[in-house]
């Protein structure tokens, strides 16, 4: 639908076009409200109501459903991630994208929201992410990384890509962990409508994996005992407590839905968390959660602190950088510590904050 794309930065001149679509991000001072269009879930958001969705990729699909008339000639983005690449792809390669709408949206959610996707979406997310990371390390220009991704997207979706076998192998942690939850090796219990609890036996992985929190748009690997994409399979719109047994205690971490940083349209908003611009920091004002953490601290016999990513916590900066983990039991240096509170007790206390 769109003939070309450009990557801009804060110092870039306005692209040579009368009417521009800014995808997955604001155009800043380059945006002209009278001629341009924003299709984005980033704050502050000027996307028209009829196009708003969850990922920017979904928003671009909604634009294709009912395009605003006009000579739209260029799609613009300002950063590098899977949702950004896929949102531009939807506009430039619309016919192919529309044939694989669910897969492409799910792949975008795997990157931006730590969401679940079926195998084709997993291949697409993993393949684009691995290539993106490799080319970025080689200092390849962002626009060239987009173009490389566009060329591979069809093969990643249908499995004909030359690296499909190695990509499938790299996704083994998702398959293994999904099976462990499905067959009860990892326990899952739901408490009310908005809280779920995962309990993982000590036989899984080591302390480093048990304490690991994947970063934004991180490729799947063996680094993490339970990838958030897996618990999003069942609990995308719930708060989740993940309790991982160790020989001398438990790693407890509280995960919020991964989409909360974005300006989503139809999803549950967890009480008390408010992002401003982008996803660098948030305000957390949830008295019931703070009461629950104080109750756990009173019950705790291990050396450490139950804390959340709010301004009152000595670890709020460290915890905010670990989103979607919002609270956990911490050592004095802010790293994950082993609690002596049993999982059922921790879950009962924390679940009461979300009833």
C-alpha atoms as a PDB file:
ATOM      1  CA  UNK A   1       0.000   0.000   0.000  1.00  0.00           C
ATOM      2  CA  UNK A   2       2.887   2.352   0.841  1.00  0.00           C
ATOM      3  CA  UNK A   3       5.711   2.737  -1.643  1.00  0.00           C
ATOM      4  CA  UNK A   4       8.658   3.271   0.705  1.00  0.00           C
ATOM      5  CA  UNK A   5       9.817   3.646   4.305  1.00  0.00           C
ATOM      6  CA  UNK A   6      12.347   5.795   6.136  1.00  0.00           C
ATOM      7  CA  UNK A   7      14.013   5.670   9.544  1.00  0.00           C
ATOM      8  CA  UNK A   8      14.239   8.990  11.352  1.00  0.00           C
ATOM      9  CA  UNK A   9      15.937  10.163  14.538  1.00  0.00           C
ATOM     10  CA  UNK A  10      15.480  13.228  16.697  1.00  0.00           C
ATOM     11  CA  UNK A  11      17.975  15.054  14.446  1.00  0.00           C
ATOM     12  CA  UNK A  12      16.595  13.874  11.099  1.00  0.00           C
ATOM     13  CA  UNK A  13      14.992  16.291   8.644  1.00  0.00           C
ATOM     14  CA  UNK A  14      11.411  15.652   7.692  1.00  0.00           C
ATOM     15  CA  UNK A  15      11.174  13.065   4.879  1.00  0.00           C
ATOM     16  CA  UNK A  16      10.418  14.495   1.463  1.00  0.00           C
ATOM     17  CA  UNK A  17       6.698  13.703   1.418  1.00  0.00           C
ATOM     18  CA  UNK A  18       3.535  15.680   1.806  1.00  0.00           C
ATOM     19  CA  UNK A  19       1.658  13.080   3.868  1.00  0.00           C
ATOM     20  CA  UNK A  20       3.513  10.682   6.154  1.00  0.00           C
ATOM     21  CA  UNK A  21       2.426   7.719   8.281  1.00  0.00           C
ATOM     22  CA  UNK A  22       4.441   7.528  11.499  1.00  0.00           C
ATOM     23  CA  UNK A  23       4.461   3.871  12.638  1.00  0.00           C
ATOM     24  CA  UNK A  24       5.122   2.602  16.136  1.00  0.00           C
ATOM     25  CA  UNK A  25       6.199   5.948  17.543  1.00  0.00           C
ATOM     26  CA  UNK A  26       5.530   9.647  17.532  1.00  0.00           C
ATOM     27  CA  UNK A  27       6.918  11.846  14.826  1.00  0.00           C
ATOM     28  CA  UNK A  28       7.818  14.482  17.414  1.00  0.00           C
ATOM     29  CA  UNK A  29       8.499  17.825  15.790  1.00  0.00           C
ATOM     30  CA  UNK A  30       8.329  16.225  12.324  1.00  0.00           C
ATOM     31  CA  UNK A  31       4.638  15.350  12.751  1.00  0.00           C
ATOM     32  CA  UNK A  32       2.118  17.671  11.118  1.00  0.00           C
ATOM     33  CA  UNK A  33      -1.358  17.062  12.490  1.00  0.00           C
ATOM     34  CA  UNK A  34      -3.036  18.588   9.446  1.00  0.00           C
ATOM     35  CA  UNK A  35      -1.423  16.212   6.926  1.00  0.00           C
ATOM     36  CA  UNK A  36       0.174  13.242   8.719  1.00  0.00           C
ATOM     37  CA  UNK A  37      -1.099  10.117  10.455  1.00  0.00           C
ATOM     38  CA  UNK A  38       0.202   8.286  13.507  1.00  0.00           C
ATOM     39  CA  UNK A  39      -0.346   4.520  13.837  1.00  0.00           C
ATOM     40  CA  UNK A  40       1.225   3.715  17.183  1.00  0.00           C
ATOM     41  CA  UNK A  41       0.720   2.507  20.742  1.00  0.00           C
ATOM     42  CA  UNK A  42       3.453   4.682  22.222  1.00  0.00           C
ATOM     43  CA  UNK A  43       2.660   7.525  24.628  1.00  0.00           C
ATOM     44  CA  UNK A  44       1.891  10.337  23.953  1.00  0.00           C
ATOM     45  CA  UNK A  45      -0.414   8.962  21.290  1.00  0.00           C
ATOM     46  CA  UNK A  46      -2.154  10.790  18.443  1.00  0.00           C
ATOM     47  CA  UNK A  47      -3.552   7.680  16.719  1.00  0.00           C
ATOM     48  CA  UNK A  48      -7.146   8.136  15.571  1.00  0.00           C
ATOM     49  CA  UNK A  49      -9.743   6.303  17.664  1.00  0.00           C
ATOM     50  CA  UNK A  50     -10.893   4.057  14.820  1.00  0.00           C
ATOM     51  CA  UNK A  51      -7.394   2.618  14.369  1.00  0.00           C
ATOM     52  CA  UNK A  52      -6.359   2.115  17.970  1.00  0.00           C
ATOM     53  CA  UNK A  53      -5.362  -1.380  18.999  1.00  0.00           C
ATOM     54  CA  UNK A  54      -2.746  -3.096  21.132  1.00  0.00           C
ATOM     55  CA  UNK A  55       0.501  -3.439  19.164  1.00  0.00           C
ATOM     56  CA  UNK A  56       1.403  -0.925  16.487  1.00  0.00           C
ATOM     57  CA  UNK A  57       1.318  -3.863  14.056  1.00  0.00           C
ATOM     58  CA  UNK A  58      -2.338  -4.495  14.862  1.00  0.00           C
ATOM     59  CA  UNK A  59      -3.038  -0.770  14.493  1.00  0.00           C
ATOM     60  CA  UNK A  60      -1.537  -0.815  10.984  1.00  0.00           C
ATOM     61  CA  UNK A  61      -3.777  -3.755  10.076  1.00  0.00           C
ATOM     62  CA  UNK A  62      -6.784  -1.785  11.292  1.00  0.00           C
ATOM     63  CA  UNK A  63      -5.709   1.053   9.013  1.00  0.00           C
ATOM     64  CA  UNK A  64      -5.666  -1.388   6.073  1.00  0.00           C
ATOM     65  CA  UNK A  65      -9.231  -2.416   6.979  1.00  0.00           C
ATOM     66  CA  UNK A  66     -10.436   1.147   6.577  1.00  0.00           C
ATOM     67  CA  UNK A  67      -7.693   3.333   5.076  1.00  0.00           C
ATOM     68  CA  UNK A  68      -7.915   7.063   5.433  1.00  0.00           C
ATOM     69  CA  UNK A  69      -8.037   8.501   1.901  1.00  0.00           C
ATOM     70  CA  UNK A  70      -4.935  10.327   0.804  1.00  0.00           C
ATOM     71  CA  UNK A  71      -1.700  10.017  -1.165  1.00  0.00           C
ATOM     72  CA  UNK A  72       0.241   8.188   1.556  1.00  0.00           C
ATOM     73  CA  UNK A  73       3.687   7.547   0.105  1.00  0.00           C
ATOM     74  CA  UNK A  74       6.078   6.952   3.022  1.00  0.00           C
ATOM     75  CA  UNK A  75       5.975   5.039   6.308  1.00  0.00           C
ATOM     76  CA  UNK A  76       8.357   6.281   9.001  1.00  0.00           C
ATOM     77  CA  UNK A  77       9.751   4.683  12.148  1.00  0.00           C
ATOM     78  CA  UNK A  78      12.329   5.870  14.652  1.00  0.00           C
ATOM     79  CA  UNK A  79      13.629   2.736  16.421  1.00  0.00           C
ATOM     80  CA  UNK A  80      14.431  -0.936  15.991  1.00  0.00           C
ATOM     81  CA  UNK A  81      12.302  -3.760  17.370  1.00  0.00           C
ATOM     82  CA  UNK A  82      10.045  -6.507  16.047  1.00  0.00           C
ATOM     83  CA  UNK A  83       6.793  -4.552  16.363  1.00  0.00           C
ATOM     84  CA  UNK A  84       8.374  -1.613  14.548  1.00  0.00           C
ATOM     85  CA  UNK A  85       9.613  -3.818  11.710  1.00  0.00           C
ATOM     86  CA  UNK A  86       6.303  -5.671  11.390  1.00  0.00           C
ATOM     87  CA  UNK A  87       4.171  -2.520  11.509  1.00  0.00           C
ATOM     88  CA  UNK A  88       6.070  -1.052   8.567  1.00  0.00           C
ATOM     89  CA  UNK A  89       5.956  -4.414   6.778  1.00  0.00           C
ATOM     90  CA  UNK A  90       2.158  -4.423   7.047  1.00  0.00           C
ATOM     91  CA  UNK A  91       1.978  -1.109   5.205  1.00  0.00           C
ATOM     92  CA  UNK A  92       4.611  -1.874   2.554  1.00  0.00           C
ATOM     93  CA  UNK A  93       3.724  -5.525   1.871  1.00  0.00           C
ATOM     94  CA  UNK A  94       0.035  -5.378   2.631  1.00  0.00           C
ATOM     95  CA  UNK A  95      -1.188  -8.260   0.455  1.00  0.00           C
ATOM     96  CA  UNK A  96       1.142 -10.822   2.036  1.00  0.00           C
ATOM     97  CA  UNK A  97       0.643  -9.377   5.516  1.00  0.00           C
ATOM     98  CA  UNK A  98      -3.144  -9.616   5.312  1.00  0.00           C
ATOM     99  CA  UNK A  99      -2.837 -13.315   4.457  1.00  0.00           C
ATOM    100  CA  UNK A 100      -0.931 -13.906   7.715  1.00  0.00           C
ATOM    101  CA  UNK A 101      -2.542 -11.366   9.995  1.00  0.00           C
ATOM    102  CA  UNK A 102      -2.839 -13.439  13.190  1.00  0.00           C
ATOM    103  CA  UNK A 103       0.717 -14.758  12.942  1.00  0.00           C
ATOM    104  CA  UNK A 104       2.227 -11.319  12.384  1.00  0.00           C
ATOM    105  CA  UNK A 105       0.259  -9.728  15.239  1.00  0.00           C
ATOM    106  CA  UNK A 106       1.227 -12.553  17.603  1.00  0.00           C
ATOM    107  CA  UNK A 107       4.915 -12.187  16.689  1.00  0.00           C
ATOM    108  CA  UNK A 108       4.717  -8.464  17.466  1.00  0.00           C
ATOM    109  CA  UNK A 109       3.141  -9.261  20.842  1.00  0.00           C
ATOM    110  CA  UNK A 110       5.905 -11.762  21.632  1.00  0.00           C
ATOM    111  CA  UNK A 111       8.407  -8.940  21.260  1.00  0.00           C
ATOM    112  CA  UNK A 112       6.637  -5.920  22.705  1.00  0.00           C
ATOM    113  CA  UNK A 113       4.478  -7.601  25.353  1.00  0.00           C
ATOM    114  CA  UNK A 114       6.329 -10.838  26.188  1.00  0.00           C
ATOM    115  CA  UNK A 115       3.163 -12.456  24.776  1.00  0.00           C
ATOM    116  CA  UNK A 116       2.447 -15.958  23.520  1.00  0.00           C
ATOM    117  CA  UNK A 117       2.480 -17.014  19.879  1.00  0.00           C
ATOM    118  CA  UNK A 118       1.949 -20.294  18.049  1.00  0.00           C
ATOM    119  CA  UNK A 119       4.881 -21.906  16.148  1.00  0.00           C
ATOM    120  CA  UNK A 120       4.724 -19.734  13.013  1.00  0.00           C
ATOM    121  CA  UNK A 121       4.647 -16.578  15.150  1.00  0.00           C
ATOM    122  CA  UNK A 122       7.507 -17.956  17.252  1.00  0.00           C
ATOM    123  CA  UNK A 123       9.625 -18.519  14.137  1.00  0.00           C
ATOM    124  CA  UNK A 124       8.841 -15.041  12.888  1.00  0.00           C
ATOM    125  CA  UNK A 125       9.628 -13.360  16.197  1.00  0.00           C
ATOM    126  CA  UNK A 126      12.773 -15.396  16.832  1.00  0.00           C
ATOM    127  CA  UNK A 127      14.129 -15.133  13.296  1.00  0.00           C
ATOM    128  CA  UNK A 128      13.642 -11.373  13.041  1.00  0.00           C
ATOM    129  CA  UNK A 129      15.044 -10.823  16.545  1.00  0.00           C
ATOM    130  CA  UNK A 130      18.151 -12.963  16.042  1.00  0.00           C
ATOM    131  CA  UNK A 131      18.928 -11.283  12.715  1.00  0.00           C
ATOM    132  CA  UNK A 132      18.198  -7.843  14.131  1.00  0.00           C
ATOM    133  CA  UNK A 133      20.557  -8.413  17.068  1.00  0.00           C
ATOM    134  CA  UNK A 134      23.322  -9.820  14.848  1.00  0.00           C
ATOM    135  CA  UNK A 135      23.158  -6.961  12.337  1.00  0.00           C
ATOM    136  CA  UNK A 136      22.967  -4.338  15.061  1.00  0.00           C
ATOM    137  CA  UNK A 137      26.125  -5.814  16.618  1.00  0.00           C
ATOM    138  CA  UNK A 138      27.775  -5.420  13.203  1.00  0.00           C
ATOM    139  CA  UNK A 139      26.657  -1.759  13.245  1.00  0.00           C
ATOM    140  CA  UNK A 140      24.478  -2.190  10.169  1.00  0.00           C
ATOM    141  CA  UNK A 141      22.213   0.804   9.595  1.00  0.00           C
ATOM    142  CA  UNK A 142      18.681   0.486  10.927  1.00  0.00           C
ATOM    143  CA  UNK A 143      17.041   0.925   7.518  1.00  0.00           C
ATOM    144  CA  UNK A 144      19.129  -1.946   6.125  1.00  0.00           C
ATOM    145  CA  UNK A 145      18.103  -4.166   9.056  1.00  0.00           C
ATOM    146  CA  UNK A 146      14.453  -3.436   8.225  1.00  0.00           C
ATOM    147  CA  UNK A 147      15.054  -4.356   4.583  1.00  0.00           C
ATOM    148  CA  UNK A 148      16.799  -7.618   5.522  1.00  0.00           C
ATOM    149  CA  UNK A 149      13.864  -8.515   7.771  1.00  0.00           C
ATOM    150  CA  UNK A 150      11.282  -7.743   5.070  1.00  0.00           C
ATOM    151  CA  UNK A 151      13.041 -10.154   2.700  1.00  0.00           C
ATOM    152  CA  UNK A 152      12.931 -12.990   5.229  1.00  0.00           C
ATOM    153  CA  UNK A 153       9.454 -12.566   6.706  1.00  0.00           C
ATOM    154  CA  UNK A 154       7.594 -14.781   4.169  1.00  0.00           C
ATOM    155  CA  UNK A 155      10.053 -17.667   4.636  1.00  0.00           C
ATOM    156  CA  UNK A 156      10.002 -17.335   8.430  1.00  0.00           C
ATOM    157  CA  UNK A 157       6.216 -17.581   8.418  1.00  0.00           C
ATOM    158  CA  UNK A 158       5.917 -20.596   6.102  1.00  0.00           C
ATOM    159  CA  UNK A 159       9.037 -22.357   7.374  1.00  0.00           C
ATOM    160  CA  UNK A 160      11.012 -22.199   4.124  1.00  0.00           C
ATOM    161  CA  UNK A 161      13.652 -19.795   5.462  1.00  0.00           C
ATOM    162  CA  UNK A 162      17.184 -21.176   5.175  1.00  0.00           C
ATOM    163  CA  UNK A 163      17.640 -20.924   8.954  1.00  0.00           C
ATOM    164  CA  UNK A 164      14.288 -22.463   9.921  1.00  0.00           C
ATOM    165  CA  UNK A 165      15.869 -25.585  11.446  1.00  0.00           C
ATOM    166  CA  UNK A 166      18.248 -23.668  13.698  1.00  0.00           C
ATOM    167  CA  UNK A 167      15.495 -21.221  14.649  1.00  0.00           C
ATOM    168  CA  UNK A 168      13.227 -24.123  15.593  1.00  0.00           C
ATOM    169  CA  UNK A 169      16.006 -25.601  17.737  1.00  0.00           C
ATOM    170  CA  UNK A 170      16.544 -22.267  19.490  1.00  0.00           C
ATOM    171  CA  UNK A 171      12.838 -22.227  20.458  1.00  0.00           C
ATOM    172  CA  UNK A 172      13.124 -25.529  22.341  1.00  0.00           C
ATOM    173  CA  UNK A 173      12.920 -23.773  25.762  1.00  0.00           C
ATOM    174  CA  UNK A 174       9.411 -22.549  24.910  1.00  0.00           C
ATOM    175  CA  UNK A 175       8.276 -26.027  23.869  1.00  0.00           C
ATOM    176  CA  UNK A 176       9.830 -27.676  26.919  1.00  0.00           C
ATOM    177  CA  UNK A 177       8.402 -25.159  29.385  1.00  0.00           C
ATOM    178  CA  UNK A 178       4.956 -25.198  27.746  1.00  0.00           C
ATOM    179  CA  UNK A 179       4.876 -28.990  28.093  1.00  0.00           C
ATOM    180  CA  UNK A 180       6.002 -28.754  31.741  1.00  0.00           C
ATOM    181  CA  UNK A 181       3.044 -26.486  32.574  1.00  0.00           C
ATOM    182  CA  UNK A 182       0.591 -28.465  30.432  1.00  0.00           C
ATOM    183  CA  UNK A 183       1.462 -31.778  32.119  1.00  0.00           C
ATOM    184  CA  UNK A 184       1.789 -30.403  35.642  1.00  0.00           C
ATOM    185  CA  UNK A 185       5.558 -30.575  36.109  1.00  0.00           C
ATOM    186  CA  UNK A 186       5.294 -26.839  36.671  1.00  0.00           C
ATOM    187  CA  UNK A 187       2.233 -26.153  38.807  1.00  0.00           C
ATOM    188  CA  UNK A 188      -0.271 -23.487  37.851  1.00  0.00           C
ATOM    189  CA  UNK A 189      -3.064 -22.266  40.159  1.00  0.00           C
ATOM    190  CA  UNK A 190      -5.477 -19.433  39.479  1.00  0.00           C
ATOM    191  CA  UNK A 191      -6.618 -17.221  42.376  1.00  0.00           C
ATOM    192  CA  UNK A 192      -9.730 -15.319  41.353  1.00  0.00           C
ATOM    193  CA  UNK A 193     -10.056 -13.599  38.000  1.00  0.00           C
ATOM    194  CA  UNK A 194      -6.775 -11.648  37.878  1.00  0.00           C
ATOM    195  CA  UNK A 195      -4.044 -13.643  39.640  1.00  0.00           C
ATOM    196  CA  UNK A 196      -2.190 -16.841  38.759  1.00  0.00           C
ATOM    197  CA  UNK A 197       0.608 -18.708  40.522  1.00  0.00           C
ATOM    198  CA  UNK A 198       3.339 -20.859  38.975  1.00  0.00           C
ATOM    199  CA  UNK A 199       5.416 -23.209  41.151  1.00  0.00           C
ATOM    200  CA  UNK A 200       8.596 -24.712  39.683  1.00  0.00           C
ATOM    201  CA  UNK A 201      10.479 -27.586  41.408  1.00  0.00           C
ATOM    202  CA  UNK A 202      14.144 -27.328  42.313  1.00  0.00           C
ATOM    203  CA  UNK A 203      15.131 -29.782  39.573  1.00  0.00           C
ATOM    204  CA  UNK A 204      14.803 -27.024  36.940  1.00  0.00           C
ATOM    205  CA  UNK A 205      18.002 -25.170  35.966  1.00  0.00           C
ATOM    206  CA  UNK A 206      20.387 -23.275  38.244  1.00  0.00           C
ATOM    207  CA  UNK A 207      20.187 -20.099  40.348  1.00  0.00           C
ATOM    208  CA  UNK A 208      21.184 -17.842  37.448  1.00  0.00           C
ATOM    209  CA  UNK A 209      18.366 -19.146  35.235  1.00  0.00           C
ATOM    210  CA  UNK A 210      15.876 -19.118  38.103  1.00  0.00           C
ATOM    211  CA  UNK A 211      16.594 -15.437  38.812  1.00  0.00           C
ATOM    212  CA  UNK A 212      16.833 -14.332  35.176  1.00  0.00           C
ATOM    213  CA  UNK A 213      14.374 -11.733  33.814  1.00  0.00           C
ATOM    214  CA  UNK A 214      14.346 -11.421  29.989  1.00  0.00           C
ATOM    215  CA  UNK A 215      14.718  -7.943  28.578  1.00  0.00           C
ATOM    216  CA  UNK A 216      12.443  -6.167  26.131  1.00  0.00           C
ATOM    217  CA  UNK A 217      12.221  -7.955  22.763  1.00  0.00           C
ATOM    218  CA  UNK A 218      14.830 -10.533  23.825  1.00  0.00           C
ATOM    219  CA  UNK A 219      15.291 -13.670  21.728  1.00  0.00           C
ATOM    220  CA  UNK A 220      14.327 -16.955  23.401  1.00  0.00           C
ATOM    221  CA  UNK A 221      17.290 -18.879  24.832  1.00  0.00           C
ATOM    222  CA  UNK A 222      18.215 -21.217  27.689  1.00  0.00           C
ATOM    223  CA  UNK A 223      18.792 -18.287  30.056  1.00  0.00           C
ATOM    224  CA  UNK A 224      15.362 -18.298  31.733  1.00  0.00           C
ATOM    225  CA  UNK A 225      13.639 -21.047  33.746  1.00  0.00           C
ATOM    226  CA  UNK A 226      10.142 -19.932  32.714  1.00  0.00           C
ATOM    227  CA  UNK A 227       9.862 -17.458  29.842  1.00  0.00           C
ATOM    228  CA  UNK A 228       7.071 -14.911  30.371  1.00  0.00           C
ATOM    229  CA  UNK A 229       5.777 -15.797  26.901  1.00  0.00           C
ATOM    230  CA  UNK A 230       4.855 -19.213  28.359  1.00  0.00           C
ATOM    231  CA  UNK A 231       2.802 -17.947  31.277  1.00  0.00           C
ATOM    232  CA  UNK A 232       1.232 -15.428  28.895  1.00  0.00           C
ATOM    233  CA  UNK A 233      -0.198 -18.490  27.094  1.00  0.00           C
ATOM    234  CA  UNK A 234      -2.738 -18.824  29.916  1.00  0.00           C
ATOM    235  CA  UNK A 235      -2.497 -15.576  31.864  1.00  0.00           C
ATOM    236  CA  UNK A 236      -1.886 -12.724  29.450  1.00  0.00           C
ATOM    237  CA  UNK A 237      -4.249 -10.413  31.367  1.00  0.00           C
ATOM    238  CA  UNK A 238      -3.412 -11.549  34.901  1.00  0.00           C
ATOM    239  CA  UNK A 239      -0.784 -10.742  37.495  1.00  0.00           C
ATOM    240  CA  UNK A 240       1.432 -13.803  38.032  1.00  0.00           C
ATOM    241  CA  UNK A 241       3.539 -14.947  40.947  1.00  0.00           C
ATOM    242  CA  UNK A 242       6.372 -17.236  39.833  1.00  0.00           C
ATOM    243  CA  UNK A 243       7.910 -19.295  42.663  1.00  0.00           C
ATOM    244  CA  UNK A 244      11.032 -21.290  41.820  1.00  0.00           C
ATOM    245  CA  UNK A 245      12.376 -23.781  44.352  1.00  0.00           C
ATOM    246  CA  UNK A 246      16.047 -23.785  45.239  1.00  0.00           C
ATOM    247  CA  UNK A 247      17.885 -26.038  47.704  1.00  0.00           C
ATOM    248  CA  UNK A 248      17.779 -23.360  50.406  1.00  0.00           C
ATOM    249  CA  UNK A 249      14.598 -21.395  49.673  1.00  0.00           C
ATOM    250  CA  UNK A 250      12.442 -19.900  46.918  1.00  0.00           C
ATOM    251  CA  UNK A 251      12.858 -17.220  44.300  1.00  0.00           C
ATOM    252  CA  UNK A 252       9.514 -15.381  44.282  1.00  0.00           C
ATOM    253  CA  UNK A 253       8.830 -12.767  41.585  1.00  0.00           C
ATOM    254  CA  UNK A 254       5.628 -10.899  40.752  1.00  0.00           C
ATOM    255  CA  UNK A 255       5.007 -10.365  37.029  1.00  0.00           C
ATOM    256  CA  UNK A 256       2.573  -7.837  35.604  1.00  0.00           C
ATOM    257  CA  UNK A 257       1.085  -8.090  32.086  1.00  0.00           C
ATOM    258  CA  UNK A 258       3.801  -7.103  29.644  1.00  0.00           C
ATOM    259  CA  UNK A 259       1.585  -4.715  27.648  1.00  0.00           C
ATOM    260  CA  UNK A 260       1.044  -2.227  30.485  1.00  0.00           C
ATOM    261  CA  UNK A 261       3.749   0.180  29.271  1.00  0.00           C
ATOM    262  CA  UNK A 262       1.891   0.685  25.963  1.00  0.00           C
ATOM    263  CA  UNK A 263      -1.294   2.598  25.150  1.00  0.00           C
ATOM    264  CA  UNK A 264      -3.408  -0.496  24.512  1.00  0.00           C
ATOM    265  CA  UNK A 265      -7.060  -0.388  23.614  1.00  0.00           C
ATOM    266  CA  UNK A 266      -8.954  -3.375  25.015  1.00  0.00           C
ATOM    267  CA  UNK A 267      -6.842  -5.002  27.719  1.00  0.00           C
ATOM    268  CA  UNK A 268      -7.149  -5.024  31.480  1.00  0.00           C
ATOM    269  CA  UNK A 269      -5.141  -2.309  33.217  1.00  0.00           C
ATOM    270  CA  UNK A 270      -3.544  -3.420  36.480  1.00  0.00           C
ATOM    271  CA  UNK A 271      -4.503  -1.007  39.303  1.00  0.00           C
ATOM    272  CA  UNK A 272      -2.071   1.701  40.278  1.00  0.00           C
ATOM    273  CA  UNK A 273       0.594   1.482  37.561  1.00  0.00           C
ATOM    274  CA  UNK A 274       0.939   4.478  35.280  1.00  0.00           C
ATOM    275  CA  UNK A 275       3.464   4.952  32.490  1.00  0.00           C
ATOM    276  CA  UNK A 276       4.084   8.409  31.106  1.00  0.00           C
ATOM    277  CA  UNK A 277       6.143   8.560  27.889  1.00  0.00           C
ATOM    278  CA  UNK A 278       7.724   5.420  26.475  1.00  0.00           C
ATOM    279  CA  UNK A 279       8.576   2.534  28.797  1.00  0.00           C
ATOM    280  CA  UNK A 280      11.553   3.755  30.819  1.00  0.00           C
ATOM    281  CA  UNK A 281       9.762   4.289  34.135  1.00  0.00           C
ATOM    282  CA  UNK A 282       6.370   4.125  35.797  1.00  0.00           C
ATOM    283  CA  UNK A 283       4.484   5.333  38.866  1.00  0.00           C
ATOM    284  CA  UNK A 284       3.155   2.565  41.099  1.00  0.00           C
ATOM    285  CA  UNK A 285       0.428   3.555  43.535  1.00  0.00           C
ATOM    286  CA  UNK A 286      -1.246   0.382  44.769  1.00  0.00           C
ATOM    287  CA  UNK A 287      -1.786   0.434  48.562  1.00  0.00           C
ATOM    288  CA  UNK A 288      -3.106  -3.136  48.682  1.00  0.00           C
ATOM    289  CA  UNK A 289       0.051  -4.458  47.026  1.00  0.00           C
ATOM    290  CA  UNK A 290       2.244  -2.473  49.401  1.00  0.00           C
ATOM    291  CA  UNK A 291       0.273  -3.879  52.351  1.00  0.00           C
ATOM    292  CA  UNK A 292       0.803  -7.406  51.011  1.00  0.00           C
ATOM    293  CA  UNK A 293       4.547  -6.848  50.687  1.00  0.00           C
ATOM    294  CA  UNK A 294       4.723  -5.522  54.249  1.00  0.00           C
ATOM    295  CA  UNK A 295       2.838  -8.609  55.434  1.00  0.00           C
ATOM    296  CA  UNK A 296       5.304 -10.871  53.634  1.00  0.00           C
ATOM    297  CA  UNK A 297       8.211  -8.931  55.121  1.00  0.00           C
ATOM    298  CA  UNK A 298       6.795  -9.534  58.612  1.00  0.00           C
ATOM    299  CA  UNK A 299       6.542 -13.268  57.860  1.00  0.00           C
ATOM    300  CA  UNK A 300       9.992 -13.522  56.258  1.00  0.00           C
ATOM    301  CA  UNK A 301      12.851 -15.214  58.117  1.00  0.00           C
ATOM    302  CA  UNK A 302      15.462 -14.998  55.355  1.00  0.00           C
ATOM    303  CA  UNK A 303      17.829 -12.043  54.997  1.00  0.00           C
ATOM    304  CA  UNK A 304      16.406  -9.658  52.407  1.00  0.00           C
ATOM    305  CA  UNK A 305      13.581  -7.266  51.530  1.00  0.00           C
ATOM    306  CA  UNK A 306      10.213  -7.669  49.836  1.00  0.00           C
ATOM    307  CA  UNK A 307       9.985  -4.646  47.537  1.00  0.00           C
ATOM    308  CA  UNK A 308       8.131  -3.280  44.513  1.00  0.00           C
ATOM    309  CA  UNK A 309       9.158  -0.837  41.810  1.00  0.00           C
ATOM    310  CA  UNK A 310       7.669   2.231  43.446  1.00  0.00           C
ATOM    311  CA  UNK A 311       9.443   5.311  44.732  1.00  0.00           C
ATOM    312  CA  UNK A 312       9.333   4.145  48.354  1.00  0.00           C
ATOM    313  CA  UNK A 313      11.474   1.110  47.601  1.00  0.00           C
ATOM    314  CA  UNK A 314      15.272   1.244  47.880  1.00  0.00           C
ATOM    315  CA  UNK A 315      15.352  -0.932  44.738  1.00  0.00           C
ATOM    316  CA  UNK A 316      12.769   0.898  42.654  1.00  0.00           C
ATOM    317  CA  UNK A 317      15.164   1.777  39.821  1.00  0.00           C
ATOM    318  CA  UNK A 318      16.477  -1.786  39.609  1.00  0.00           C
ATOM    319  CA  UNK A 319      12.972  -3.223  39.689  1.00  0.00           C
ATOM    320  CA  UNK A 320      11.596  -0.794  37.118  1.00  0.00           C
ATOM    321  CA  UNK A 321      14.378  -1.851  34.748  1.00  0.00           C
ATOM    322  CA  UNK A 322      13.186  -5.463  35.168  1.00  0.00           C
ATOM    323  CA  UNK A 323       9.599  -4.877  34.013  1.00  0.00           C
ATOM    324  CA  UNK A 324       7.369  -6.912  33.671  1.00  0.00           C
ATOM    325  CA  UNK A 325       8.676  -8.078  37.063  1.00  0.00           C
ATOM    326  CA  UNK A 326       7.261  -5.451  39.419  1.00  0.00           C
ATOM    327  CA  UNK A 327       8.021  -6.940  42.860  1.00  0.00           C
ATOM    328  CA  UNK A 328      10.176  -9.688  44.365  1.00  0.00           C
ATOM    329  CA  UNK A 329      12.259 -10.701  47.380  1.00  0.00           C
ATOM    330  CA  UNK A 330      15.591  -8.898  47.086  1.00  0.00           C
ATOM    331  CA  UNK A 331      19.056  -9.176  48.566  1.00  0.00           C
ATOM    332  CA  UNK A 332      20.703  -6.060  50.003  1.00  0.00           C
ATOM    333  CA  UNK A 333      22.331  -5.287  46.644  1.00  0.00           C
ATOM    334  CA  UNK A 334      18.979  -5.413  44.817  1.00  0.00           C
ATOM    335  CA  UNK A 335      19.521  -8.836  43.226  1.00  0.00           C
ATOM    336  CA  UNK A 336      17.055 -11.696  43.642  1.00  0.00           C
ATOM    337  CA  UNK A 337      17.245 -13.391  47.048  1.00  0.00           C
ATOM    338  CA  UNK A 338      15.915 -16.714  48.322  1.00  0.00           C
ATOM    339  CA  UNK A 339      12.865 -16.421  50.528  1.00  0.00           C
ATOM    340  CA  UNK A 340      11.866 -18.929  53.216  1.00  0.00           C
ATOM    341  CA  UNK A 341       8.142 -18.277  52.751  1.00  0.00           C
ATOM    342  CA  UNK A 342       6.398 -21.265  51.167  1.00  0.00           C
ATOM    343  CA  UNK A 343       4.769 -20.622  47.787  1.00  0.00           C
ATOM    344  CA  UNK A 344       1.167 -21.171  48.885  1.00  0.00           C
ATOM    345  CA  UNK A 345       1.552 -18.621  51.665  1.00  0.00           C
ATOM    346  CA  UNK A 346       3.200 -16.049  49.393  1.00  0.00           C
ATOM    347  CA  UNK A 347       0.489 -16.523  46.765  1.00  0.00           C
ATOM    348  CA  UNK A 348      -2.362 -16.152  49.269  1.00  0.00           C
ATOM    349  CA  UNK A 349      -0.931 -12.873  50.585  1.00  0.00           C
ATOM    350  CA  UNK A 350      -0.204 -11.349  47.175  1.00  0.00           C
ATOM    351  CA  UNK A 351      -3.406 -12.558  45.486  1.00  0.00           C
ATOM    352  CA  UNK A 352      -5.468 -10.658  48.078  1.00  0.00           C
ATOM    353  CA  UNK A 353      -4.180  -7.400  46.548  1.00  0.00           C
ATOM    354  CA  UNK A 354      -5.810  -8.194  43.182  1.00  0.00           C
ATOM    355  CA  UNK A 355      -9.288  -9.402  44.126  1.00  0.00           C
END
